[in-house]
Amino acid sequence: MATSEDSPKTASPRVLALDALRGLALLGMALSDFVPKLLPAWMYHGQNAPPSNDTVVTIFGITWVDLVFPFFLFAMGAAIPLAIRARMDRGATSKDIAKWLLIRGALLAVFSLVDEHFRAGVFATTPDATANLATILGCALMFLMFARWPANPSTPEMNSSPAPGGGREGANSRRFQTTKILTWLGWMGAFLLLVSSHYADGNRGFANYRLDIILMVLANMALFGGAIWFLTQTKPLVRWAICASVFMIFLTKDLGGVGTTIWQYTPIQHLQKDHWPYLLNFDTWPYQRFVPIVYHFEYIKYLLIVIPGTICGDLYRERFTDNAETWEPWRSRAAGLIGVAMSAIATIGLFAREVVATTLVLFALSAISLRLLRKPGSALEQRIRKFAEYGTAFVVFGLLVEPLGGGIRKASPTASYFLLTTGLAFFALVGLSVLIDVAKRDRWIRTTTELGQNPILGYILTTNLVPAIFGLIAANEFAAKQTDNPWLQSIVAFIETLVVAYAAAWFTRRKVFLRT
């Protein structure tokens, strides 16, 4: 099992099932970004009906695309206990953890702003060679900003017999200085490119409305999700109470009262005339576009997925009694297949609006899964059983509240969306845990797992670099002209997705990561 069960004083090894879940989410994100607009409706977000792909909130149901973001958020939440515990095991104090959470959240917010400013489609409405080249330059600068270079195998910690005269220490010091210089060059270059660029909206330089909303949500989740876990790490009931409170605020946000006040609150309101203290009218201030807006409770609602994810992460740190294995191979494999099938059945059935039939099938499969996973023996089996139990609870609750808001949907999400996708993420983890940890078939999805270990790089490749390169070689232009053959366009999209996966995996294997 790829977890940190051996020694609490060592750095946590990778949890490959979580990496694989994150990698699958990134693959789905890439493919959904690249596919053309003329495919069947189930190839897009449930509320983005082709051919215009405009958001229509009266369409209910979810597709596989609607699982991408919640699965990524769930994996992020599950990684929080592992990351913070690893730092605590290495002697980090509460002050160190608080500093790390603040820096991580701030860097993700910066990444959200820079990534959006360096996109070809933001430089120009119809990206040309200049816009694509600027995007490629921006990606190179972001690489330098966030790169974490491989450790030198000749460091004193890894080799106890350094050369006389401190030669290795000197080499390591020079290496450290070189990487610091590269990082600062990336930051300075990104600043210069940002302030000197002209954009498609007619404004030059930075503007706070140019931000990647997904990354800004992740910044808030990294900060608030990490802080909540750290403060409640030994009090999971308090964490569930916080999750329930966020859920109540979400449900009552349009009804007036405390929920509405909390939902609508933003620190910027204190810079407006009708709020105290009044300093200036922010809305008419000529420089207001230079002030990034990094917080809104609209982002905080995704704690409804991240907090259950932290509970999942706790299970990887829990000290189960490791007895002998009790499951026959067919039982665990059958449960793993059910875990994977749950997402497919939920999306197909709910998008077709066969709500009752889908509910009955998912309830039955959940019960069968629990039956198959009864009487776990080893620590791994006990953990997988817990995943199935939590998954069942969230699936049941999510389907029972499905009628709220007219039905499940992602665009203007309803209550069932948060609950059901969390349950499906737990079941997906059952399937991946069986594949990787029980069946030992991790090589089958090695590239996906390595992509999941380098998510920042995968995201830059998806949103910026690969589209710019394909635009520069006119591949996107060629695909766009095939209006009578959208499946040919889809082949180009599939190739772009493979480039994202294998490029990120290539860097991962060479221990070059992008980190915030």
Protein backbone atom coordinates (compact mmCIF):
# COMPACT_ATOMS: atom_id res chain seq x y z
CA MET A 1 0.00 0.00 0.00
CA ALA A 2 1.44 3.32 -1.07
CA THR A 3 0.81 5.13 2.19
CA SER A 4 2.81 6.41 5.10
CA GLU A 5 2.12 3.52 7.49
CA ASP A 6 5.67 2.45 8.17
CA SER A 7 7.17 5.31 10.11
CA PRO A 8 5.55 8.53 11.21
CA LYS A 9 8.93 10.25 11.21
CA THR A 10 9.57 9.84 7.50
CA ALA A 11 8.13 11.76 4.59
CA SER A 12 4.88 10.32 3.34
CA PRO A 13 5.19 8.25 0.18
CA ARG A 14 2.80 8.94 -2.64
CA VAL A 15 -0.72 7.57 -2.29
CA LEU A 16 -1.03 6.28 -5.81
CA ALA A 17 -4.81 5.84 -5.80
CA LEU A 18 -5.24 9.55 -4.98
CA ASP A 19 -2.69 10.48 -7.64
CA ALA A 20 -4.62 8.37 -10.14
CA LEU A 21 -7.93 10.02 -9.19
CA ARG A 22 -6.35 13.45 -9.62
CA GLY A 23 -4.81 12.35 -12.91
CA LEU A 24 -8.14 11.10 -14.23
CA ALA A 25 -9.71 14.45 -13.32
CA LEU A 26 -6.95 16.29 -15.21
CA LEU A 27 -7.39 14.03 -18.24
CA GLY A 28 -11.12 14.71 -18.21
CA MET A 29 -10.46 18.43 -17.85
CA ALA A 30 -8.09 18.40 -20.83
CA LEU A 31 -10.39 16.38 -23.09
CA SER A 32 -13.44 18.48 -22.22
CA ASP A 33 -11.47 21.66 -22.98
CA PHE A 34 -10.26 20.42 -26.36
CA VAL A 35 -13.35 18.74 -27.85
CA PRO A 36 -15.26 20.64 -30.57
CA LYS A 37 -18.76 22.03 -30.07
CA LEU A 38 -20.62 19.71 -32.45
CA LEU A 39 -20.61 16.46 -30.49
CA PRO A 40 -23.54 14.90 -28.59
CA ALA A 41 -24.69 16.74 -25.48
CA TRP A 42 -23.22 14.19 -23.07
CA MET A 43 -19.71 15.26 -24.14
CA TYR A 44 -20.13 18.61 -22.39
CA HIS A 45 -21.27 19.98 -19.05
CA GLY A 46 -24.87 19.01 -18.53
CA GLN A 47 -26.11 22.59 -18.79
CA ASN A 48 -23.96 23.54 -21.82
CA ALA A 49 -26.11 22.28 -24.67
CA PRO A 50 -24.51 22.13 -28.13
CA PRO A 51 -24.10 23.63 -30.66
CA SER A 52 -23.84 27.02 -28.90
CA ASN A 53 -22.70 25.51 -25.58
CA ASP A 54 -24.41 28.39 -23.75
CA THR A 55 -25.33 27.67 -20.15
CA VAL A 56 -29.00 26.75 -19.74
CA VAL A 57 -29.85 26.30 -16.05
CA THR A 58 -33.22 24.72 -16.85
CA ILE A 59 -31.41 21.62 -18.11
CA PHE A 60 -30.94 19.11 -15.30
CA GLY A 61 -28.66 16.11 -14.97
CA ILE A 62 -24.90 15.65 -15.03
CA THR A 63 -22.41 14.23 -17.49
CA TRP A 64 -18.93 12.78 -17.06
CA VAL A 65 -17.54 16.30 -17.57
CA ASP A 66 -19.39 17.44 -14.43
CA LEU A 67 -17.40 14.93 -12.35
CA VAL A 68 -14.00 16.34 -13.31
CA PHE A 69 -13.86 19.29 -10.91
CA PRO A 70 -15.40 17.62 -7.83
CA PHE A 71 -13.09 14.60 -8.22
CA PHE A 72 -10.10 16.96 -8.34
CA LEU A 73 -11.37 18.85 -5.28
CA PHE A 74 -11.94 15.59 -3.42
CA ALA A 75 -8.38 14.45 -4.15
CA MET A 76 -7.12 17.84 -3.02
CA GLY A 77 -9.00 17.51 0.27
CA ALA A 78 -7.70 13.98 0.81
CA ALA A 79 -4.12 15.19 0.27
CA ILE A 80 -4.40 17.91 2.94
CA PRO A 81 -3.97 15.63 6.01
CA LEU A 82 -1.14 13.77 4.30
CA ALA A 83 0.74 16.95 3.38
CA ILE A 84 0.32 18.68 6.75
CA ARG A 85 1.05 15.55 8.77
CA ALA A 86 4.23 14.99 6.79
CA ARG A 87 5.39 18.48 7.74
CA MET A 88 4.42 17.95 11.37
CA ASP A 89 6.34 14.66 11.40
CA ARG A 90 9.40 16.57 10.23
CA GLY A 91 9.05 18.97 13.16
CA ALA A 92 6.96 21.81 11.72
CA THR A 93 5.30 23.97 14.36
CA SER A 94 1.81 25.43 14.26
CA LYS A 95 3.35 28.72 13.12
CA ASP A 96 5.15 26.91 10.30
CA ILE A 97 1.93 25.24 9.16
CA ALA A 98 0.00 28.53 9.23
CA LYS A 99 2.73 30.22 7.19
CA TRP A 100 2.77 27.36 4.68
CA LEU A 101 -1.03 27.45 4.26
CA LEU A 102 -1.01 31.22 3.70
CA ILE A 103 1.83 31.03 1.18
CA ARG A 104 0.24 28.11 -0.65
CA GLY A 105 -3.11 29.89 -0.91
CA ALA A 106 -1.45 33.12 -2.04
CA LEU A 107 0.64 31.38 -4.70
CA LEU A 108 -2.41 29.56 -6.07
CA ALA A 109 -4.20 32.92 -6.27
CA VAL A 110 -1.22 34.37 -8.15
CA PHE A 111 -1.23 31.32 -10.42
CA SER A 112 -4.94 31.92 -11.11
CA LEU A 113 -4.23 35.48 -12.25
CA VAL A 114 -1.04 34.81 -14.21
CA ASP A 115 -2.36 31.70 -15.95
CA GLU A 116 -5.40 33.61 -17.22
CA HIS A 117 -3.35 36.61 -18.37
CA PHE A 118 -1.02 34.37 -20.40
CA ARG A 119 -3.64 32.60 -22.53
CA ALA A 120 -3.75 32.99 -26.29
CA GLY A 121 -7.51 33.51 -26.22
CA VAL A 122 -7.05 36.37 -23.73
CA PHE A 123 -4.27 38.00 -25.73
CA ALA A 124 -6.46 37.92 -28.86
CA THR A 125 -10.07 36.98 -29.58
CA THR A 126 -8.84 34.91 -32.52
CA PRO A 127 -5.33 33.83 -31.48
CA ASP A 128 -2.68 34.53 -34.12
CA ALA A 129 1.01 33.63 -34.17
CA THR A 130 1.90 36.57 -31.91
CA ALA A 131 -0.68 35.57 -29.29
CA ASN A 132 0.43 31.94 -29.39
CA LEU A 133 4.10 32.86 -29.06
CA ALA A 134 3.31 35.18 -26.13
CA THR A 135 1.44 32.30 -24.49
CA ILE A 136 4.39 29.94 -24.97
CA LEU A 137 6.69 32.56 -23.45
CA GLY A 138 4.26 32.99 -20.55
CA CYS A 139 4.24 29.23 -19.96
CA ALA A 140 8.05 29.16 -19.88
CA LEU A 141 8.01 31.93 -17.28
CA MET A 142 5.36 30.15 -15.19
CA PHE A 143 7.50 27.02 -15.36
CA LEU A 144 10.41 28.95 -13.85
CA MET A 145 8.11 30.54 -11.25
CA PHE A 146 6.74 27.30 -9.87
CA ALA A 147 9.35 24.65 -10.75
CA ARG A 148 10.72 22.42 -8.01
CA TRP A 149 13.88 20.90 -9.40
CA PRO A 150 15.02 17.34 -8.63
CA ALA A 151 17.08 16.87 -5.51
CA ASN A 152 20.80 16.39 -6.05
CA PRO A 153 21.64 12.75 -5.20
CA SER A 154 25.04 13.85 -3.86
CA THR A 155 23.64 15.91 -0.99
CA PRO A 156 25.21 15.17 2.42
CA GLU A 157 21.93 13.75 3.68
CA MET A 158 21.96 11.09 0.97
CA ASN A 159 25.67 10.40 0.92
CA SER A 160 27.46 10.39 4.25
CA SER A 161 30.98 10.64 2.80
CA PRO A 162 31.35 14.00 1.06
CA ALA A 163 34.54 14.81 -0.76
CA PRO A 164 37.32 16.52 1.22
CA GLY A 165 37.14 20.26 1.32
CA GLY A 166 33.35 20.41 1.19
CA GLY A 167 33.21 20.06 -2.59
CA ARG A 168 29.74 18.56 -2.59
CA GLU A 169 28.43 21.16 -0.18
CA GLY A 170 29.78 23.85 -2.47
CA ALA A 171 28.21 22.23 -5.53
CA ASN A 172 24.88 21.93 -3.74
CA SER A 173 25.08 25.57 -2.66
CA ARG A 174 25.72 26.66 -6.25
CA ARG A 175 22.86 24.48 -7.43
CA PHE A 176 20.55 26.05 -4.86
CA GLN A 177 21.59 29.55 -5.89
CA THR A 178 21.04 28.69 -9.56
CA THR A 179 17.50 27.47 -8.96
CA LYS A 180 16.73 30.56 -6.89
CA ILE A 181 17.98 32.79 -9.70
CA LEU A 182 15.84 30.91 -12.21
CA THR A 183 12.81 31.30 -9.98
CA TRP A 184 13.31 35.05 -9.61
CA LEU A 185 13.91 35.41 -13.34
CA GLY A 186 10.56 33.69 -13.88
CA TRP A 187 8.77 36.08 -11.52
CA MET A 188 10.39 39.18 -12.96
CA GLY A 189 9.84 38.06 -16.54
CA ALA A 190 6.19 37.25 -15.83
CA PHE A 191 5.68 40.68 -14.28
CA LEU A 192 7.22 42.45 -17.27
CA LEU A 193 5.22 40.40 -19.78
CA LEU A 194 2.00 40.99 -17.86
CA VAL A 195 2.30 44.77 -17.50
CA SER A 196 3.48 45.29 -21.09
CA SER A 197 0.90 43.12 -22.88
CA HIS A 198 -2.14 44.34 -24.77
CA TYR A 199 -5.26 42.20 -24.40
CA ALA A 200 -8.29 41.43 -26.50
CA ASP A 201 -10.57 43.47 -24.19
CA GLY A 202 -8.65 46.63 -25.07
CA ASN A 203 -6.92 47.04 -21.70
CA ARG A 204 -3.19 46.88 -21.24
CA GLY A 205 -1.57 45.16 -18.29
CA PHE A 206 -3.11 43.55 -15.24
CA ALA A 207 -6.85 43.45 -14.63
CA ASN A 208 -8.44 41.72 -11.62
CA TYR A 209 -11.30 40.32 -13.70
CA ARG A 210 -8.84 38.19 -15.68
CA LEU A 211 -8.60 35.21 -13.37
CA ASP A 212 -9.02 31.49 -13.70
CA ILE A 213 -12.04 30.75 -11.52
CA ILE A 214 -11.06 27.10 -11.02
CA LEU A 215 -7.64 28.04 -9.69
CA MET A 216 -9.09 30.77 -7.47
CA VAL A 217 -11.45 28.20 -5.95
CA LEU A 218 -8.44 25.93 -5.37
CA ALA A 219 -6.59 28.79 -3.66
CA ASN A 220 -9.49 29.27 -1.23
CA MET A 221 -9.78 25.53 -0.66
CA ALA A 222 -6.06 25.18 0.03
CA LEU A 223 -6.21 27.92 2.65
CA PHE A 224 -9.57 27.33 4.32
CA GLY A 225 -9.65 23.55 3.85
CA GLY A 226 -6.13 23.22 5.23
CA ALA A 227 -6.84 25.52 8.18
CA ILE A 228 -10.07 23.70 9.05
CA TRP A 229 -8.35 20.32 9.00
CA PHE A 230 -5.40 21.55 11.06
CA LEU A 231 -7.67 23.04 13.73
CA THR A 232 -9.95 19.97 13.87
CA GLN A 233 -7.50 17.17 13.11
CA THR A 234 -8.43 15.35 16.32
CA LYS A 235 -12.07 16.50 16.25
CA PRO A 236 -13.71 15.14 13.10
CA LEU A 237 -17.19 15.83 14.49
CA VAL A 238 -16.36 19.53 14.60
CA ARG A 239 -15.25 19.26 10.97
CA TRP A 240 -18.56 17.65 10.03
CA ALA A 241 -20.35 20.45 11.90
CA ILE A 242 -18.48 23.04 9.84
CA CYS A 243 -19.42 21.15 6.69
CA ALA A 244 -23.07 21.11 7.79
CA SER A 245 -22.92 24.86 8.50
CA VAL A 246 -21.59 25.57 5.00
CA PHE A 247 -24.38 23.40 3.63
CA MET A 248 -27.01 25.39 5.55
CA ILE A 249 -25.56 28.69 4.32
CA PHE A 250 -25.68 27.34 0.77
CA LEU A 251 -29.31 26.24 1.13
CA THR A 252 -30.46 29.55 2.66
CA LYS A 253 -28.36 31.98 0.61
CA ASP A 254 -31.42 33.34 -1.23
CA LEU A 255 -33.82 33.39 1.74
CA GLY A 256 -32.50 36.38 3.68
CA GLY A 257 -31.09 36.33 7.20
CA VAL A 258 -27.68 35.16 8.36
CA GLY A 259 -27.11 32.77 5.47
CA THR A 260 -27.62 35.51 2.89
CA THR A 261 -25.40 37.95 4.80
CA ILE A 262 -22.53 35.47 5.00
CA TRP A 263 -22.95 34.44 1.36
CA GLN A 264 -22.85 38.02 0.10
CA TYR A 265 -20.03 39.25 2.34
CA THR A 266 -16.80 40.40 0.72
CA PRO A 267 -13.99 42.51 2.23
CA ILE A 268 -14.33 44.95 -0.68
CA GLN A 269 -17.71 46.07 0.66
CA HIS A 270 -15.87 47.99 3.39
CA LEU A 271 -14.54 50.26 0.63
CA GLN A 272 -18.04 51.31 -0.41
CA LYS A 273 -20.17 54.19 0.87
CA ASP A 274 -22.94 52.13 2.43
CA HIS A 275 -20.55 50.11 4.61
CA TRP A 276 -18.31 50.98 7.53
CA PRO A 277 -15.48 51.93 7.56
CA TYR A 278 -15.71 54.03 4.42
CA LEU A 279 -12.37 54.85 2.84
CA LEU A 280 -13.19 55.32 -0.84
CA ASN A 281 -15.79 54.33 -3.40
CA PHE A 282 -14.12 51.24 -4.77
CA ASP A 283 -16.57 50.89 -7.66
CA THR A 284 -15.60 54.28 -9.10
CA TRP A 285 -11.92 54.21 -8.09
CA PRO A 286 -9.93 54.42 -11.36
CA TYR A 287 -7.36 51.87 -10.16
CA GLN A 288 -9.76 49.25 -8.85
CA ARG A 289 -8.93 46.82 -11.65
CA PHE A 290 -5.45 46.42 -10.12
CA VAL A 291 -6.85 45.02 -6.85
CA PRO A 292 -7.33 41.24 -7.11
CA ILE A 293 -10.58 39.87 -5.68
CA VAL A 294 -9.51 36.57 -4.15
CA TYR A 295 -12.37 35.79 -1.76
CA HIS A 296 -16.08 35.22 -2.06
CA PHE A 297 -18.26 32.69 -0.26
CA GLU A 298 -19.20 31.46 -3.72
CA TYR A 299 -15.77 29.77 -3.61
CA ILE A 300 -16.16 28.50 -0.05
CA LYS A 301 -19.16 26.32 -0.93
CA TYR A 302 -16.75 23.77 -2.38
CA LEU A 303 -15.74 22.90 1.17
CA LEU A 304 -18.77 20.61 0.86
CA ILE A 305 -16.48 18.37 -1.23
CA VAL A 306 -13.08 19.21 0.26
CA ILE A 307 -14.02 18.54 3.90
CA PRO A 308 -15.27 14.99 3.18
CA GLY A 309 -12.05 14.64 1.19
CA THR A 310 -10.06 15.40 4.36
CA ILE A 311 -11.98 12.62 6.12
CA CYS A 312 -10.79 10.33 3.34
CA GLY A 313 -7.24 11.58 3.89
CA ASP A 314 -7.55 10.78 7.60
CA LEU A 315 -8.26 7.17 6.68
CA TYR A 316 -4.84 6.94 5.06
CA ARG A 317 -3.25 8.04 8.34
CA GLU A 318 -5.48 5.95 10.60
CA ARG A 319 -3.74 3.08 12.38
CA PHE A 320 -5.92 0.12 11.47
CA THR A 321 -5.13 -3.24 13.05
CA ASP A 322 -3.39 -5.04 10.21
CA ASN A 323 -4.71 -8.60 10.31
CA ALA A 324 -4.55 -11.24 7.60
CA GLU A 325 -6.47 -10.61 4.39
CA THR A 326 -9.94 -12.16 4.35
CA TRP A 327 -11.34 -11.29 0.91
CA GLU A 328 -11.26 -13.68 -1.99
CA PRO A 329 -9.83 -11.96 -5.10
CA TRP A 330 -13.16 -12.01 -6.93
CA ARG A 331 -14.87 -10.09 -4.12
CA SER A 332 -12.51 -7.14 -4.16
CA ARG A 333 -12.41 -7.04 -7.95
CA ALA A 334 -16.18 -7.09 -8.19
CA ALA A 335 -16.39 -4.25 -5.68
CA GLY A 336 -13.79 -2.33 -7.68
CA LEU A 337 -15.82 -2.72 -10.87
CA ILE A 338 -18.91 -1.47 -9.03
CA GLY A 339 -16.94 1.53 -7.78
CA VAL A 340 -16.08 2.48 -11.36
CA ALA A 341 -19.56 1.69 -12.71
CA MET A 342 -21.29 3.94 -10.17
CA SER A 343 -20.11 7.11 -11.91
CA ALA A 344 -21.07 5.85 -15.37
CA ILE A 345 -24.56 4.78 -14.27
CA ALA A 346 -25.18 7.99 -12.32
CA THR A 347 -24.23 10.29 -15.19
CA ILE A 348 -26.05 8.33 -17.90
CA GLY A 349 -29.21 7.83 -15.88
CA LEU A 350 -29.50 11.30 -14.38
CA PHE A 351 -28.71 13.07 -17.66
CA ALA A 352 -31.45 11.00 -19.30
CA ARG A 353 -33.66 12.08 -16.34
CA GLU A 354 -34.42 8.49 -15.38
CA VAL A 355 -34.10 9.55 -11.77
CA VAL A 356 -36.12 6.80 -10.04
CA ALA A 357 -34.55 3.95 -12.02
CA THR A 358 -31.06 5.37 -11.55
CA THR A 359 -31.65 5.77 -7.82
CA LEU A 360 -32.78 2.17 -7.45
CA VAL A 361 -29.81 0.84 -9.40
CA LEU A 362 -27.29 2.91 -7.45
CA PHE A 363 -28.85 1.94 -4.13
CA ALA A 364 -28.68 -1.72 -5.13
CA LEU A 365 -25.05 -1.48 -6.28
CA SER A 366 -24.07 0.29 -3.06
CA ALA A 367 -25.65 -2.50 -1.02
CA ILE A 368 -23.92 -5.16 -3.12
CA SER A 369 -20.59 -3.37 -2.70
CA LEU A 370 -20.96 -3.30 1.09
CA ARG A 371 -21.90 -6.98 1.03
CA LEU A 372 -18.84 -7.86 -1.03
CA LEU A 373 -16.56 -5.88 1.27
CA ARG A 374 -17.88 -7.32 4.55
CA LYS A 375 -15.56 -8.58 7.29
CA PRO A 376 -12.35 -6.85 6.19
CA GLY A 377 -9.14 -8.20 7.67
CA SER A 378 -6.06 -6.25 6.61
CA ALA A 379 -5.61 -2.51 7.04
CA LEU A 380 -6.03 -2.08 3.29
CA GLU A 381 -9.31 -3.98 3.30
CA GLN A 382 -10.60 -1.98 6.26
CA ARG A 383 -9.74 1.27 4.47
CA ILE A 384 -11.49 0.23 1.26
CA ARG A 385 -14.52 -0.83 3.28
CA LYS A 386 -14.62 2.65 4.86
CA PHE A 387 -14.46 4.26 1.41
CA ALA A 388 -17.48 2.21 0.36
CA GLU A 389 -19.40 3.10 3.53
CA TYR A 390 -18.83 6.83 3.08
CA GLY A 391 -19.56 6.55 -0.61
CA THR A 392 -22.86 4.81 0.08
CA ALA A 393 -23.92 7.45 2.60
CA PHE A 394 -23.20 10.36 0.25
CA VAL A 395 -24.80 8.67 -2.75
CA VAL A 396 -27.96 7.95 -0.77
CA PHE A 397 -28.21 11.49 0.59
CA GLY A 398 -27.38 12.99 -2.79
CA LEU A 399 -30.11 11.05 -4.56
CA LEU A 400 -32.69 11.71 -1.85
CA VAL A 401 -32.26 15.49 -2.19
CA GLU A 402 -32.04 15.35 -6.00
CA PRO A 403 -35.38 17.19 -6.49
CA LEU A 404 -34.13 20.28 -4.59
CA GLY A 405 -33.65 23.15 -7.03
CA GLY A 406 -35.42 21.27 -9.80
CA GLY A 407 -32.84 18.51 -10.13
CA ILE A 408 -29.12 17.89 -10.03
CA ARG A 409 -26.94 20.26 -12.04
CA LYS A 410 -23.43 21.73 -11.96
CA ALA A 411 -24.09 25.18 -13.43
CA SER A 412 -25.64 27.01 -10.49
CA PRO A 413 -25.09 23.80 -8.54
CA THR A 414 -27.80 22.20 -6.46
CA ALA A 415 -27.43 20.41 -3.14
CA SER A 416 -27.47 16.96 -4.71
CA TYR A 417 -24.50 17.86 -6.91
CA PHE A 418 -22.14 18.26 -3.95
CA LEU A 419 -23.39 15.19 -2.10
CA LEU A 420 -23.61 12.80 -5.03
CA THR A 421 -20.27 13.71 -6.62
CA THR A 422 -18.58 13.27 -3.24
CA GLY A 423 -20.08 9.80 -2.95
CA LEU A 424 -19.01 8.92 -6.48
CA ALA A 425 -15.47 10.11 -5.67
CA PHE A 426 -15.35 7.72 -2.70
CA PHE A 427 -16.51 4.86 -4.94
CA ALA A 428 -14.00 5.82 -7.64
CA LEU A 429 -11.33 5.54 -4.96
CA VAL A 430 -12.61 2.05 -4.15
CA GLY A 431 -12.07 1.06 -7.77
CA LEU A 432 -8.63 2.65 -8.00
CA SER A 433 -7.52 1.18 -4.66
CA VAL A 434 -8.50 -2.28 -5.82
CA LEU A 435 -6.71 -1.83 -9.14
CA ILE A 436 -3.51 -0.36 -7.68
CA ASP A 437 -3.20 -1.77 -4.16
CA VAL A 438 -5.03 -5.10 -4.36
CA ALA A 439 -4.58 -6.25 -7.95
CA LYS A 440 -1.16 -4.52 -8.23
CA ARG A 441 -1.97 -3.22 -11.71
CA ASP A 442 -0.68 0.30 -11.17
CA ARG A 443 1.39 0.08 -14.37
CA TRP A 444 -1.87 0.03 -16.36
CA ILE A 445 -2.46 3.67 -15.48
CA ARG A 446 1.10 4.77 -14.75
CA THR A 447 0.95 7.80 -17.05
CA THR A 448 -2.33 8.95 -15.51
CA THR A 449 -0.87 8.57 -12.01
CA GLU A 450 2.24 10.55 -12.96
CA LEU A 451 0.04 13.29 -14.44
CA GLY A 452 -1.81 13.39 -11.11
CA GLN A 453 1.49 13.88 -9.28
CA ASN A 454 2.21 17.04 -11.31
CA PRO A 455 -1.18 18.82 -11.40
CA ILE A 456 0.08 22.41 -11.79
CA LEU A 457 2.10 21.42 -14.86
CA GLY A 458 -0.85 19.43 -16.21
CA TYR A 459 -3.09 22.46 -15.80
CA ILE A 460 -0.70 24.83 -17.61
CA LEU A 461 -0.35 22.33 -20.44
CA THR A 462 -4.12 22.02 -20.75
CA THR A 463 -5.16 25.64 -20.57
CA ASN A 464 -2.20 27.41 -22.16
CA LEU A 465 0.75 25.58 -23.68
CA VAL A 466 -0.74 22.73 -25.74
CA PRO A 467 -3.50 24.91 -27.31
CA ALA A 468 -0.87 27.53 -28.18
CA ILE A 469 1.47 24.99 -29.79
CA PHE A 470 -1.35 23.37 -31.77
CA GLY A 471 -2.51 26.83 -32.77
CA LEU A 472 0.99 27.77 -33.90
CA ILE A 473 1.27 24.72 -36.17
CA ALA A 474 -2.26 25.39 -37.48
CA ALA A 475 -3.61 22.07 -36.17
CA ASN A 476 -6.50 23.83 -34.42
CA GLU A 477 -7.26 25.83 -37.57
CA PHE A 478 -7.34 22.63 -39.61
CA ALA A 479 -9.65 20.96 -37.08
CA ALA A 480 -11.98 23.96 -36.96
CA LYS A 481 -12.50 23.77 -40.72
CA GLN A 482 -13.82 20.20 -40.49
CA THR A 483 -17.32 21.41 -39.66
CA ASP A 484 -18.94 18.46 -41.38
CA ASN A 485 -16.83 15.95 -39.49
CA PRO A 486 -16.71 16.72 -35.76
CA TRP A 487 -15.22 13.31 -35.02
CA LEU A 488 -12.11 14.30 -36.98
CA GLN A 489 -11.90 17.36 -34.75
CA SER A 490 -12.24 14.99 -31.82
CA ILE A 491 -9.16 13.07 -32.98
CA VAL A 492 -7.16 16.29 -32.75
CA ALA A 493 -8.62 16.89 -29.26
CA PHE A 494 -7.66 13.35 -28.24
CA ILE A 495 -4.09 13.88 -29.49
CA GLU A 496 -3.87 17.13 -27.50
CA THR A 497 -5.02 15.27 -24.39
CA LEU A 498 -2.35 12.60 -24.91
CA VAL A 499 0.29 15.32 -25.28
CA VAL A 500 -0.79 16.79 -21.94
CA ALA A 501 -0.62 13.40 -20.21
CA TYR A 502 2.70 12.23 -21.60
CA ALA A 503 4.43 15.62 -21.28
CA ALA A 504 3.49 15.89 -17.60
CA ALA A 505 4.49 12.26 -17.02
CA TRP A 506 7.86 12.89 -18.70
CA PHE A 507 8.69 15.66 -16.25
CA THR A 508 7.36 13.66 -13.30
CA ARG A 509 9.70 10.77 -14.10
CA ARG A 510 12.60 13.21 -14.09
CA LYS A 511 11.50 14.57 -10.70
CA VAL A 512 10.70 18.04 -12.04
CA PHE A 513 7.47 19.27 -10.46
CA LEU A 514 5.54 22.50 -10.53
CA ARG A 515 4.40 23.39 -7.03
CA THR A 516 2.71 26.32 -5.32
